[in-house]
Amino acid sequence: MKKILALVAILAIGLGSINAQDNLRWGVTAGMNVSSLNVTGLDSRVGFHAGVKAELGLPQFTEGLYMDFGALLSLKGAKVEAGSMASFKINPYYLEIPVHIGYKYAVNDNFALFANAGPYIAIGLFGKAKITADGSLVDGGSKVSESENVFGDDGFKRFDLGLGLKAGIEISKKYQFSIGYDFGFIEAEELMGCKNRNLMISLGLMF
């Protein structure tokens, strides 16, 4: 954890040193997650992501090349449902920090296409794993509901690392719509050997 915080601090210092450059833009982004774990029997679930982002143009290398990075609160996880009889949901919330390299192609002054890819790191913050079942399945009583921390002693690892891919459009050099996918490399939970997978549909506003 100390190494992760040190990395974030170094990144923040580096951003501060280039803040005056004209090719650095800041913005906000939010959207929908469709997340899953690569384990048979677990279904995908809908979550969200929201946070801040920045783009640093790299014209010294080639026109259109840029770095895309941010800090997002992201709800991922998976679920299993058996109709109205029972359900199991995993709801981990992460602080996710993607650092991508991309290329933006300006079709005209008001419309551009872009794509980027690169690593992300994520730190598990909080969340619950919850099971709900019809009481008749257990003891003939009323509905049963139990929950525990996702990141408990026997739960998910707090650190995740993976690769993200994204493509989208930009309108008027301000509004962005993108679709991306994250592949987690680290086993979030050792017993099942599951890794995070996440489809992201995002809207962004650049300032």
N, C-alpha and C. Protein backbone atom coordinates (compact mmCIF):
# COMPACT_ATOMS: atom_id res chain seq x y z
N MET A 1 0.82 -1.20 0.00
CA MET A 1 0.00 0.00 0.00
C MET A 1 0.87 1.26 0.00
N LYS A 2 2.00 1.24 0.75
CA LYS A 2 2.86 2.41 0.79
C LYS A 2 3.45 2.71 -0.58
N LYS A 3 3.79 1.65 -1.33
CA LYS A 3 4.35 1.83 -2.67
C LYS A 3 3.31 2.46 -3.60
N ILE A 4 2.05 2.04 -3.46
CA ILE A 4 0.98 2.59 -4.30
C ILE A 4 0.78 4.07 -4.00
N LEU A 5 0.73 4.42 -2.71
CA LEU A 5 0.53 5.82 -2.34
C LEU A 5 1.71 6.68 -2.80
N ALA A 6 2.92 6.12 -2.74
CA ALA A 6 4.09 6.84 -3.21
C ALA A 6 4.00 7.10 -4.71
N LEU A 7 3.50 6.09 -5.45
CA LEU A 7 3.34 6.25 -6.89
C LEU A 7 2.34 7.34 -7.22
N VAL A 8 1.22 7.34 -6.49
CA VAL A 8 0.20 8.39 -6.70
C VAL A 8 0.77 9.77 -6.40
N ALA A 9 1.56 9.87 -5.32
CA ALA A 9 2.16 11.15 -4.96
C ALA A 9 3.12 11.64 -6.03
N ILE A 10 3.94 10.73 -6.57
CA ILE A 10 4.87 11.10 -7.64
C ILE A 10 4.11 11.58 -8.86
N LEU A 11 3.01 10.87 -9.19
CA LEU A 11 2.20 11.27 -10.33
C LEU A 11 1.61 12.66 -10.13
N ALA A 12 1.13 12.93 -8.92
CA ALA A 12 0.54 14.23 -8.62
C ALA A 12 1.57 15.35 -8.73
N ILE A 13 2.78 15.09 -8.25
CA ILE A 13 3.85 16.09 -8.34
C ILE A 13 4.21 16.35 -9.79
N GLY A 14 4.27 15.27 -10.57
CA GLY A 14 4.59 15.41 -11.98
C GLY A 14 3.54 16.20 -12.72
N LEU A 15 2.27 15.98 -12.40
CA LEU A 15 1.20 16.72 -13.05
C LEU A 15 1.26 18.19 -12.67
N GLY A 16 1.60 18.46 -11.42
CA GLY A 16 1.69 19.84 -11.00
C GLY A 16 2.77 20.60 -11.75
N SER A 17 3.86 19.91 -12.09
CA SER A 17 4.96 20.57 -12.78
C SER A 17 4.64 20.90 -14.22
N ILE A 18 3.63 20.20 -14.82
CA ILE A 18 3.29 20.47 -16.21
C ILE A 18 1.94 21.17 -16.34
N ASN A 19 1.41 21.59 -15.20
CA ASN A 19 0.07 22.14 -15.22
C ASN A 19 -0.06 23.39 -16.10
N ALA A 20 1.04 24.12 -16.25
CA ALA A 20 0.97 25.36 -17.01
C ALA A 20 1.03 25.13 -18.52
N GLN A 21 1.29 23.93 -18.94
CA GLN A 21 1.40 23.67 -20.36
C GLN A 21 0.04 23.75 -21.04
N ASP A 22 0.06 24.30 -22.25
CA ASP A 22 -1.19 24.50 -22.98
C ASP A 22 -1.82 23.19 -23.43
N ASN A 23 -1.04 22.12 -23.55
CA ASN A 23 -1.58 20.86 -24.06
C ASN A 23 -2.07 19.94 -22.96
N LEU A 24 -2.26 20.45 -21.75
CA LEU A 24 -2.85 19.67 -20.66
C LEU A 24 -4.28 20.12 -20.46
N ARG A 25 -5.22 19.17 -20.53
CA ARG A 25 -6.64 19.46 -20.33
C ARG A 25 -7.18 18.61 -19.19
N TRP A 26 -8.08 19.20 -18.42
CA TRP A 26 -8.74 18.49 -17.33
C TRP A 26 -10.22 18.30 -17.65
N GLY A 27 -10.83 17.29 -17.03
CA GLY A 27 -12.24 17.06 -17.24
C GLY A 27 -12.83 16.15 -16.19
N VAL A 28 -14.09 15.85 -16.37
CA VAL A 28 -14.79 14.91 -15.49
C VAL A 28 -15.41 13.83 -16.38
N THR A 29 -15.60 12.66 -15.80
CA THR A 29 -16.18 11.55 -16.56
C THR A 29 -17.03 10.69 -15.64
N ALA A 30 -18.04 10.06 -16.22
CA ALA A 30 -18.92 9.16 -15.46
C ALA A 30 -19.59 8.22 -16.45
N GLY A 31 -20.07 7.10 -15.94
CA GLY A 31 -20.73 6.17 -16.82
C GLY A 31 -21.08 4.85 -16.15
N MET A 32 -21.40 3.89 -16.98
CA MET A 32 -21.90 2.59 -16.53
C MET A 32 -20.82 1.52 -16.65
N ASN A 33 -20.73 0.68 -15.64
CA ASN A 33 -19.91 -0.53 -15.69
C ASN A 33 -20.81 -1.74 -15.93
N VAL A 34 -20.34 -2.67 -16.73
CA VAL A 34 -20.93 -4.01 -16.81
C VAL A 34 -19.79 -4.96 -16.47
N SER A 35 -19.70 -5.32 -15.20
CA SER A 35 -18.53 -6.03 -14.70
C SER A 35 -18.82 -7.50 -14.47
N SER A 36 -17.76 -8.27 -14.41
CA SER A 36 -17.88 -9.70 -14.16
C SER A 36 -16.56 -10.23 -13.60
N LEU A 37 -16.57 -11.48 -13.22
CA LEU A 37 -15.37 -12.20 -12.81
C LEU A 37 -15.25 -13.42 -13.72
N ASN A 38 -14.03 -13.76 -14.12
CA ASN A 38 -13.86 -14.83 -15.10
C ASN A 38 -13.99 -16.21 -14.46
N VAL A 39 -15.16 -16.43 -13.87
CA VAL A 39 -15.47 -17.70 -13.21
C VAL A 39 -16.81 -18.20 -13.72
N THR A 40 -16.87 -19.45 -14.14
CA THR A 40 -18.12 -20.04 -14.63
C THR A 40 -19.16 -20.06 -13.52
N GLY A 41 -20.36 -19.64 -13.85
CA GLY A 41 -21.46 -19.63 -12.88
C GLY A 41 -21.77 -18.27 -12.32
N LEU A 42 -20.85 -17.32 -12.46
CA LEU A 42 -21.10 -15.96 -12.01
C LEU A 42 -21.51 -15.10 -13.20
N ASP A 43 -22.57 -14.31 -13.03
CA ASP A 43 -23.07 -13.46 -14.10
C ASP A 43 -22.53 -12.03 -13.93
N SER A 44 -22.57 -11.27 -15.02
CA SER A 44 -22.16 -9.88 -14.96
C SER A 44 -23.20 -9.05 -14.21
N ARG A 45 -22.77 -7.91 -13.70
CA ARG A 45 -23.67 -7.02 -12.99
C ARG A 45 -23.40 -5.58 -13.44
N VAL A 46 -24.39 -4.72 -13.24
CA VAL A 46 -24.28 -3.31 -13.63
C VAL A 46 -23.81 -2.49 -12.44
N GLY A 47 -22.80 -1.68 -12.67
CA GLY A 47 -22.29 -0.76 -11.67
C GLY A 47 -22.09 0.62 -12.28
N PHE A 48 -21.14 1.37 -11.76
CA PHE A 48 -20.90 2.72 -12.28
C PHE A 48 -19.44 3.09 -12.06
N HIS A 49 -19.02 4.15 -12.71
CA HIS A 49 -17.74 4.79 -12.44
C HIS A 49 -17.90 6.29 -12.57
N ALA A 50 -17.12 7.03 -11.81
CA ALA A 50 -17.19 8.50 -11.86
C ALA A 50 -15.90 9.06 -11.29
N GLY A 51 -15.44 10.17 -11.86
CA GLY A 51 -14.23 10.77 -11.35
C GLY A 51 -13.70 11.87 -12.24
N VAL A 52 -12.42 12.15 -12.09
CA VAL A 52 -11.75 13.18 -12.87
C VAL A 52 -10.77 12.54 -13.84
N LYS A 53 -10.46 13.25 -14.91
CA LYS A 53 -9.50 12.76 -15.89
C LYS A 53 -8.70 13.93 -16.45
N ALA A 54 -7.64 13.59 -17.14
CA ALA A 54 -6.82 14.61 -17.78
C ALA A 54 -6.21 14.03 -19.05
N GLU A 55 -5.90 14.92 -19.97
CA GLU A 55 -5.24 14.54 -21.21
C GLU A 55 -4.03 15.43 -21.42
N LEU A 56 -2.91 14.82 -21.68
CA LEU A 56 -1.67 15.56 -21.95
C LEU A 56 -1.24 15.29 -23.39
N GLY A 57 -1.31 16.31 -24.24
CA GLY A 57 -0.89 16.16 -25.62
C GLY A 57 0.62 15.93 -25.72
N LEU A 58 1.02 15.10 -26.66
CA LEU A 58 2.44 14.78 -26.85
C LEU A 58 2.87 15.12 -28.29
N PRO A 59 2.72 16.37 -28.71
CA PRO A 59 3.05 16.73 -30.09
C PRO A 59 4.54 16.63 -30.38
N GLN A 60 5.38 16.58 -29.32
CA GLN A 60 6.81 16.46 -29.55
C GLN A 60 7.18 15.11 -30.16
N PHE A 61 6.26 14.14 -30.03
CA PHE A 61 6.48 12.83 -30.65
C PHE A 61 5.76 12.74 -31.99
N THR A 62 4.48 13.01 -31.99
CA THR A 62 3.71 13.08 -33.24
C THR A 62 2.39 13.78 -32.96
N GLU A 63 1.87 14.49 -33.93
CA GLU A 63 0.61 15.20 -33.76
C GLU A 63 -0.52 14.19 -33.56
N GLY A 64 -1.35 14.42 -32.54
CA GLY A 64 -2.46 13.53 -32.24
C GLY A 64 -2.18 12.54 -31.13
N LEU A 65 -0.91 12.35 -30.78
CA LEU A 65 -0.56 11.44 -29.70
C LEU A 65 -0.79 12.13 -28.36
N TYR A 66 -1.32 11.41 -27.40
CA TYR A 66 -1.58 12.00 -26.09
C TYR A 66 -1.58 10.95 -24.99
N MET A 67 -1.48 11.42 -23.75
CA MET A 67 -1.59 10.56 -22.57
C MET A 67 -2.92 10.84 -21.89
N ASP A 68 -3.64 9.80 -21.52
CA ASP A 68 -4.94 9.90 -20.88
C ASP A 68 -4.85 9.24 -19.51
N PHE A 69 -5.18 9.97 -18.45
CA PHE A 69 -5.10 9.40 -17.11
C PHE A 69 -6.19 9.99 -16.23
N GLY A 70 -6.45 9.34 -15.10
CA GLY A 70 -7.52 9.82 -14.24
C GLY A 70 -7.56 9.11 -12.91
N ALA A 71 -8.58 9.42 -12.14
CA ALA A 71 -8.84 8.79 -10.85
C ALA A 71 -10.35 8.59 -10.75
N LEU A 72 -10.78 7.33 -10.64
CA LEU A 72 -12.19 6.99 -10.71
C LEU A 72 -12.63 6.18 -9.50
N LEU A 73 -13.82 6.46 -9.01
CA LEU A 73 -14.50 5.56 -8.08
C LEU A 73 -15.30 4.59 -8.95
N SER A 74 -15.05 3.28 -8.80
CA SER A 74 -15.64 2.31 -9.71
C SER A 74 -16.24 1.13 -8.94
N LEU A 75 -17.52 0.86 -9.20
CA LEU A 75 -18.21 -0.28 -8.61
C LEU A 75 -18.17 -1.43 -9.61
N LYS A 76 -17.54 -2.53 -9.22
CA LYS A 76 -17.43 -3.70 -10.08
C LYS A 76 -18.14 -4.88 -9.42
N GLY A 77 -17.69 -6.11 -9.69
CA GLY A 77 -18.25 -7.28 -9.05
C GLY A 77 -18.98 -8.22 -9.98
N ALA A 78 -19.83 -9.05 -9.41
CA ALA A 78 -20.58 -10.05 -10.17
C ALA A 78 -21.79 -10.47 -9.33
N LYS A 79 -22.64 -11.33 -9.91
CA LYS A 79 -23.83 -11.77 -9.19
C LYS A 79 -24.26 -13.14 -9.68
N VAL A 80 -25.11 -13.79 -8.87
CA VAL A 80 -25.80 -15.02 -9.23
C VAL A 80 -27.23 -14.87 -8.75
N GLU A 81 -28.20 -15.14 -9.64
CA GLU A 81 -29.60 -15.02 -9.26
C GLU A 81 -30.36 -16.28 -9.66
N ALA A 82 -31.21 -16.75 -8.76
CA ALA A 82 -32.07 -17.90 -9.04
C ALA A 82 -33.51 -17.43 -8.93
N GLY A 83 -33.92 -16.59 -9.89
CA GLY A 83 -35.27 -16.05 -9.86
C GLY A 83 -35.52 -15.26 -8.59
N SER A 84 -36.66 -15.47 -7.99
CA SER A 84 -37.01 -14.79 -6.74
C SER A 84 -36.61 -15.61 -5.52
N MET A 85 -35.99 -16.77 -5.74
CA MET A 85 -35.67 -17.66 -4.64
C MET A 85 -34.40 -17.25 -3.89
N ALA A 86 -33.36 -16.86 -4.65
CA ALA A 86 -32.09 -16.54 -4.00
C ALA A 86 -31.23 -15.69 -4.92
N SER A 87 -30.34 -14.92 -4.33
CA SER A 87 -29.40 -14.12 -5.10
C SER A 87 -28.12 -13.93 -4.29
N PHE A 88 -27.02 -13.76 -5.01
CA PHE A 88 -25.72 -13.50 -4.40
C PHE A 88 -25.04 -12.41 -5.20
N LYS A 89 -24.64 -11.32 -4.54
CA LYS A 89 -24.02 -10.20 -5.22
C LYS A 89 -22.71 -9.82 -4.53
N ILE A 90 -21.71 -9.53 -5.34
CA ILE A 90 -20.41 -9.05 -4.87
C ILE A 90 -20.28 -7.61 -5.32
N ASN A 91 -20.09 -6.69 -4.37
CA ASN A 91 -20.12 -5.25 -4.66
C ASN A 91 -18.84 -4.55 -4.21
N PRO A 92 -17.71 -4.78 -4.88
CA PRO A 92 -16.48 -4.09 -4.48
C PRO A 92 -16.34 -2.71 -5.11
N TYR A 93 -16.02 -1.71 -4.31
CA TYR A 93 -15.76 -0.36 -4.80
C TYR A 93 -14.25 -0.14 -4.83
N TYR A 94 -13.75 0.34 -5.96
CA TYR A 94 -12.32 0.57 -6.13
C TYR A 94 -12.03 2.03 -6.43
N LEU A 95 -10.85 2.48 -6.03
CA LEU A 95 -10.25 3.69 -6.58
C LEU A 95 -9.36 3.22 -7.72
N GLU A 96 -9.72 3.57 -8.94
CA GLU A 96 -9.01 3.09 -10.12
C GLU A 96 -8.25 4.23 -10.78
N ILE A 97 -7.00 3.97 -11.12
CA ILE A 97 -6.14 4.97 -11.74
C ILE A 97 -5.62 4.42 -13.07
N PRO A 98 -6.25 4.79 -14.19
CA PRO A 98 -5.76 4.37 -15.50
C PRO A 98 -4.72 5.35 -16.04
N VAL A 99 -3.72 4.81 -16.71
CA VAL A 99 -2.71 5.63 -17.40
C VAL A 99 -2.56 5.06 -18.81
N HIS A 100 -3.16 5.73 -19.79
CA HIS A 100 -3.21 5.22 -21.16
C HIS A 100 -2.44 6.13 -22.11
N ILE A 101 -1.97 5.55 -23.20
CA ILE A 101 -1.42 6.29 -24.32
C ILE A 101 -2.39 6.14 -25.48
N GLY A 102 -2.72 7.26 -26.14
CA GLY A 102 -3.72 7.20 -27.20
C GLY A 102 -3.39 8.07 -28.39
N TYR A 103 -4.26 7.97 -29.38
CA TYR A 103 -4.13 8.78 -30.59
C TYR A 103 -5.50 9.36 -30.92
N LYS A 104 -5.51 10.65 -31.24
CA LYS A 104 -6.75 11.35 -31.57
C LYS A 104 -6.66 11.89 -33.00
N TYR A 105 -7.65 11.53 -33.81
CA TYR A 105 -7.67 11.96 -35.20
C TYR A 105 -8.81 12.97 -35.39
N ALA A 106 -8.47 14.19 -35.76
CA ALA A 106 -9.45 15.25 -35.96
C ALA A 106 -10.03 15.15 -37.37
N VAL A 107 -11.30 14.74 -37.45
CA VAL A 107 -11.98 14.69 -38.75
C VAL A 107 -12.21 16.10 -39.27
N ASN A 108 -12.64 16.98 -38.37
CA ASN A 108 -12.75 18.41 -38.66
C ASN A 108 -12.60 19.17 -37.34
N ASP A 109 -12.90 20.46 -37.35
CA ASP A 109 -12.69 21.27 -36.14
C ASP A 109 -13.61 20.87 -34.99
N ASN A 110 -14.72 20.20 -35.28
CA ASN A 110 -15.71 19.90 -34.24
C ASN A 110 -15.90 18.40 -33.97
N PHE A 111 -15.16 17.56 -34.68
CA PHE A 111 -15.39 16.12 -34.51
C PHE A 111 -14.05 15.37 -34.61
N ALA A 112 -13.81 14.49 -33.64
CA ALA A 112 -12.57 13.71 -33.62
C ALA A 112 -12.84 12.29 -33.16
N LEU A 113 -12.03 11.37 -33.64
CA LEU A 113 -12.04 9.97 -33.20
C LEU A 113 -10.80 9.73 -32.35
N PHE A 114 -10.94 8.89 -31.32
CA PHE A 114 -9.76 8.60 -30.50
C PHE A 114 -9.78 7.15 -30.02
N ALA A 115 -8.60 6.67 -29.70
CA ALA A 115 -8.44 5.35 -29.10
C ALA A 115 -7.22 5.39 -28.20
N ASN A 116 -7.27 4.67 -27.10
CA ASN A 116 -6.12 4.62 -26.20
C ASN A 116 -6.08 3.29 -25.47
N ALA A 117 -4.93 2.98 -24.92
CA ALA A 117 -4.74 1.73 -24.20
C ALA A 117 -3.61 1.89 -23.20
N GLY A 118 -3.64 1.10 -22.15
CA GLY A 118 -2.57 1.16 -21.17
C GLY A 118 -2.96 0.50 -19.87
N PRO A 119 -2.09 0.52 -18.90
CA PRO A 119 -2.35 -0.15 -17.63
C PRO A 119 -3.25 0.66 -16.71
N TYR A 120 -3.79 -0.02 -15.73
CA TYR A 120 -4.48 0.65 -14.62
C TYR A 120 -4.08 -0.03 -13.32
N ILE A 121 -4.10 0.73 -12.25
CA ILE A 121 -4.00 0.15 -10.92
C ILE A 121 -5.28 0.50 -10.17
N ALA A 122 -5.70 -0.36 -9.27
CA ALA A 122 -6.93 -0.13 -8.52
C ALA A 122 -6.71 -0.55 -7.07
N ILE A 123 -7.28 0.23 -6.17
CA ILE A 123 -7.19 -0.03 -4.73
C ILE A 123 -8.59 -0.25 -4.19
N GLY A 124 -8.83 -1.42 -3.60
CA GLY A 124 -10.14 -1.72 -3.03
C GLY A 124 -10.43 -0.85 -1.82
N LEU A 125 -11.56 -0.16 -1.84
CA LEU A 125 -11.91 0.76 -0.76
C LEU A 125 -12.88 0.13 0.23
N PHE A 126 -14.01 -0.35 -0.25
CA PHE A 126 -15.05 -0.91 0.61
C PHE A 126 -16.02 -1.69 -0.25
N GLY A 127 -17.00 -2.31 0.37
CA GLY A 127 -18.01 -3.06 -0.37
C GLY A 127 -18.49 -4.26 0.41
N LYS A 128 -19.60 -4.82 -0.04
CA LYS A 128 -20.22 -5.97 0.62
C LYS A 128 -20.44 -7.12 -0.35
N ALA A 129 -20.35 -8.31 0.18
CA ALA A 129 -20.82 -9.51 -0.52
C ALA A 129 -22.11 -9.91 0.20
N LYS A 130 -23.22 -10.01 -0.55
CA LYS A 130 -24.52 -10.19 0.08
C LYS A 130 -25.26 -11.36 -0.54
N ILE A 131 -25.83 -12.20 0.31
CA ILE A 131 -26.66 -13.31 -0.15
C ILE A 131 -28.06 -13.14 0.43
N THR A 132 -29.06 -13.30 -0.40
CA THR A 132 -30.46 -13.21 0.00
C THR A 132 -31.18 -14.45 -0.49
N ALA A 133 -31.98 -15.06 0.39
CA ALA A 133 -32.67 -16.30 0.02
C ALA A 133 -34.05 -16.33 0.63
N ASP A 134 -34.96 -16.99 -0.06
CA ASP A 134 -36.29 -17.24 0.46
C ASP A 134 -36.15 -18.13 1.69
N GLY A 135 -36.74 -17.71 2.80
CA GLY A 135 -36.59 -18.45 4.04
C GLY A 135 -37.08 -19.88 3.97
N SER A 136 -38.00 -20.19 3.06
CA SER A 136 -38.51 -21.55 2.94
C SER A 136 -37.43 -22.51 2.48
N LEU A 137 -36.38 -21.98 1.85
CA LEU A 137 -35.28 -22.83 1.42
C LEU A 137 -34.38 -23.22 2.59
N VAL A 138 -34.45 -22.43 3.67
CA VAL A 138 -33.55 -22.65 4.80
C VAL A 138 -34.26 -23.31 5.98
N ASP A 139 -35.27 -22.63 6.51
CA ASP A 139 -35.93 -23.16 7.71
C ASP A 139 -37.44 -22.96 7.67
N GLY A 140 -37.98 -22.65 6.51
CA GLY A 140 -39.42 -22.43 6.40
C GLY A 140 -39.87 -21.10 6.92
N GLY A 141 -38.93 -20.20 7.22
CA GLY A 141 -39.28 -18.90 7.76
C GLY A 141 -39.33 -17.82 6.71
N SER A 142 -39.10 -16.57 7.14
CA SER A 142 -39.13 -15.43 6.24
C SER A 142 -37.81 -15.31 5.48
N LYS A 143 -37.71 -14.26 4.67
CA LYS A 143 -36.53 -14.07 3.84
C LYS A 143 -35.27 -13.94 4.70
N VAL A 144 -34.18 -14.56 4.24
CA VAL A 144 -32.90 -14.53 4.93
C VAL A 144 -31.93 -13.67 4.14
N SER A 145 -31.20 -12.79 4.82
CA SER A 145 -30.24 -11.92 4.16
C SER A 145 -28.98 -11.81 5.03
N GLU A 146 -27.83 -12.09 4.43
CA GLU A 146 -26.56 -12.00 5.14
C GLU A 146 -25.56 -11.26 4.27
N SER A 147 -24.66 -10.50 4.90
CA SER A 147 -23.63 -9.79 4.15
C SER A 147 -22.35 -9.72 4.97
N GLU A 148 -21.23 -9.55 4.25
CA GLU A 148 -19.95 -9.36 4.91
C GLU A 148 -19.05 -8.51 4.00
N ASN A 149 -17.97 -8.00 4.56
CA ASN A 149 -17.08 -7.14 3.80
C ASN A 149 -16.42 -7.90 2.65
N VAL A 150 -16.42 -7.29 1.47
CA VAL A 150 -15.75 -7.91 0.33
C VAL A 150 -14.26 -8.03 0.58
N PHE A 151 -13.66 -7.01 1.17
CA PHE A 151 -12.22 -6.98 1.37
C PHE A 151 -11.84 -7.41 2.79
N GLY A 152 -12.55 -8.37 3.34
CA GLY A 152 -12.22 -8.91 4.65
C GLY A 152 -11.00 -9.82 4.59
N ASP A 153 -10.69 -10.45 5.73
CA ASP A 153 -9.51 -11.32 5.83
C ASP A 153 -9.55 -12.46 4.82
N ASP A 154 -10.73 -13.02 4.58
CA ASP A 154 -10.86 -14.13 3.65
C ASP A 154 -11.52 -13.70 2.34
N GLY A 155 -11.52 -12.39 2.08
CA GLY A 155 -12.21 -11.88 0.90
C GLY A 155 -11.27 -11.50 -0.22
N PHE A 156 -11.66 -10.47 -0.97
CA PHE A 156 -10.90 -10.02 -2.12
C PHE A 156 -9.61 -9.31 -1.70
N LYS A 157 -8.60 -9.39 -2.58
CA LYS A 157 -7.40 -8.59 -2.40
C LYS A 157 -7.73 -7.13 -2.68
N ARG A 158 -7.08 -6.24 -1.97
CA ARG A 158 -7.36 -4.82 -2.17
C ARG A 158 -6.66 -4.24 -3.40
N PHE A 159 -5.60 -4.87 -3.87
CA PHE A 159 -4.84 -4.33 -4.99
C PHE A 159 -5.18 -5.08 -6.27
N ASP A 160 -5.42 -4.32 -7.34
CA ASP A 160 -5.66 -4.92 -8.65
C ASP A 160 -4.83 -4.18 -9.68
N LEU A 161 -4.42 -4.91 -10.71
CA LEU A 161 -3.61 -4.37 -11.79
C LEU A 161 -4.09 -4.98 -13.09
N GLY A 162 -4.19 -4.18 -14.13
CA GLY A 162 -4.69 -4.73 -15.38
C GLY A 162 -4.41 -3.85 -16.57
N LEU A 163 -5.04 -4.20 -17.68
CA LEU A 163 -4.89 -3.48 -18.94
C LEU A 163 -6.24 -2.98 -19.40
N GLY A 164 -6.30 -1.74 -19.84
CA GLY A 164 -7.54 -1.15 -20.33
C GLY A 164 -7.42 -0.72 -21.78
N LEU A 165 -8.52 -0.87 -22.53
CA LEU A 165 -8.62 -0.43 -23.92
C LEU A 165 -9.84 0.48 -24.04
N LYS A 166 -9.74 1.52 -24.86
CA LYS A 166 -10.86 2.45 -24.98
C LYS A 166 -10.88 3.07 -26.38
N ALA A 167 -12.09 3.33 -26.88
CA ALA A 167 -12.25 4.04 -28.16
C ALA A 167 -13.49 4.92 -28.06
N GLY A 168 -13.49 6.03 -28.80
CA GLY A 168 -14.64 6.91 -28.71
C GLY A 168 -14.58 8.07 -29.67
N ILE A 169 -15.47 9.03 -29.43
CA ILE A 169 -15.57 10.23 -30.25
C ILE A 169 -15.54 11.46 -29.35
N GLU A 170 -15.10 12.58 -29.92
CA GLU A 170 -15.09 13.85 -29.21
C GLU A 170 -15.78 14.90 -30.09
N ILE A 171 -16.70 15.64 -29.48
CA ILE A 171 -17.47 16.66 -30.20
C ILE A 171 -17.14 18.04 -29.64
N SER A 172 -16.84 18.96 -30.54
CA SER A 172 -16.55 20.35 -30.19
C SER A 172 -15.38 20.48 -29.22
N LYS A 173 -14.46 19.53 -29.26
CA LYS A 173 -13.28 19.52 -28.39
C LYS A 173 -13.65 19.59 -26.90
N LYS A 174 -14.86 19.09 -26.59
CA LYS A 174 -15.36 19.24 -25.22
C LYS A 174 -16.11 18.00 -24.73
N TYR A 175 -16.99 17.45 -25.54
CA TYR A 175 -17.84 16.33 -25.11
C TYR A 175 -17.30 15.02 -25.66
N GLN A 176 -17.18 14.02 -24.80
CA GLN A 176 -16.63 12.74 -25.20
C GLN A 176 -17.60 11.60 -24.88
N PHE A 177 -17.67 10.63 -25.80
CA PHE A 177 -18.41 9.40 -25.58
C PHE A 177 -17.46 8.25 -25.91
N SER A 178 -17.32 7.30 -25.00
CA SER A 178 -16.35 6.23 -25.22
C SER A 178 -16.85 4.89 -24.68
N ILE A 179 -16.28 3.83 -25.23
CA ILE A 179 -16.52 2.46 -24.78
C ILE A 179 -15.16 1.83 -24.51
N GLY A 180 -15.01 1.20 -23.37
CA GLY A 180 -13.74 0.59 -23.02
C GLY A 180 -13.91 -0.75 -22.33
N TYR A 181 -12.80 -1.44 -22.18
CA TYR A 181 -12.83 -2.74 -21.51
C TYR A 181 -11.54 -2.90 -20.71
N ASP A 182 -11.68 -3.36 -19.46
CA ASP A 182 -10.55 -3.59 -18.57
C ASP A 182 -10.37 -5.08 -18.32
N PHE A 183 -9.12 -5.55 -18.43
CA PHE A 183 -8.77 -6.94 -18.12
C PHE A 183 -7.89 -6.94 -16.88
N GLY A 184 -8.39 -7.49 -15.77
CA GLY A 184 -7.58 -7.60 -14.57
C GLY A 184 -6.58 -8.73 -14.68
N PHE A 185 -5.35 -8.50 -14.23
CA PHE A 185 -4.30 -9.51 -14.29
C PHE A 185 -4.14 -10.29 -12.99
N ILE A 186 -4.56 -9.69 -11.89
CA ILE A 186 -4.33 -10.28 -10.57
C ILE A 186 -5.57 -11.00 -10.09
N GLU A 187 -5.38 -12.17 -9.49
CA GLU A 187 -6.52 -12.91 -8.93
C GLU A 187 -7.11 -12.13 -7.76
N ALA A 188 -8.34 -11.68 -7.93
CA ALA A 188 -9.00 -10.90 -6.88
C ALA A 188 -9.28 -11.76 -5.65
N GLU A 189 -9.50 -13.04 -5.90
CA GLU A 189 -9.79 -13.98 -4.81
C GLU A 189 -9.10 -15.30 -5.16
N GLU A 190 -8.26 -15.82 -4.25
CA GLU A 190 -7.40 -16.96 -4.56
C GLU A 190 -8.15 -18.27 -4.68
N LEU A 191 -9.19 -18.49 -3.88
CA LEU A 191 -9.88 -19.78 -3.85
C LEU A 191 -10.50 -20.08 -5.20
N MET A 192 -11.20 -19.11 -5.78
CA MET A 192 -11.83 -19.30 -7.09
C MET A 192 -10.89 -18.92 -8.24
N GLY A 193 -9.83 -18.19 -7.92
CA GLY A 193 -8.91 -17.75 -8.96
C GLY A 193 -9.52 -16.74 -9.91
N CYS A 194 -10.45 -15.91 -9.43
CA CYS A 194 -11.19 -15.00 -10.31
C CYS A 194 -10.43 -13.70 -10.52
N LYS A 195 -10.61 -13.13 -11.71
CA LYS A 195 -10.01 -11.85 -12.08
C LYS A 195 -11.10 -10.91 -12.58
N ASN A 196 -10.90 -9.62 -12.33
CA ASN A 196 -11.89 -8.62 -12.72
C ASN A 196 -11.93 -8.42 -14.24
N ARG A 197 -13.15 -8.31 -14.75
CA ARG A 197 -13.41 -7.93 -16.13
C ARG A 197 -14.46 -6.83 -16.10
N ASN A 198 -14.31 -5.80 -16.95
CA ASN A 198 -15.24 -4.68 -16.85
C ASN A 198 -15.40 -3.95 -18.18
N LEU A 199 -16.65 -3.91 -18.68
CA LEU A 199 -17.01 -3.10 -19.83
C LEU A 199 -17.47 -1.73 -19.32
N MET A 200 -16.93 -0.66 -19.91
CA MET A 200 -17.24 0.69 -19.45
C MET A 200 -17.82 1.52 -20.59
N ILE A 201 -18.96 2.15 -20.33
CA ILE A 201 -19.57 3.10 -21.26
C ILE A 201 -19.55 4.46 -20.57
N SER A 202 -18.83 5.43 -21.16
CA SER A 202 -18.52 6.66 -20.44
C SER A 202 -18.91 7.92 -21.21
N LEU A 203 -19.28 8.93 -20.46
CA LEU A 203 -19.46 10.28 -20.96
C LEU A 203 -18.44 11.19 -20.28
N GLY A 204 -17.81 12.06 -21.04
CA GLY A 204 -16.82 12.95 -20.46
C GLY A 204 -17.05 14.40 -20.86
N LEU A 205 -16.64 15.29 -20.00
CA LEU A 205 -16.71 16.74 -20.27
C LEU A 205 -15.35 17.32 -19.99
N MET A 206 -14.71 17.87 -21.05
CA MET A 206 -13.38 18.45 -20.90
C MET A 206 -13.50 19.97 -20.76
N PHE A 207 -12.66 20.54 -19.91
CA PHE A 207 -12.70 21.98 -19.65
C PHE A 207 -11.61 22.71 -20.43
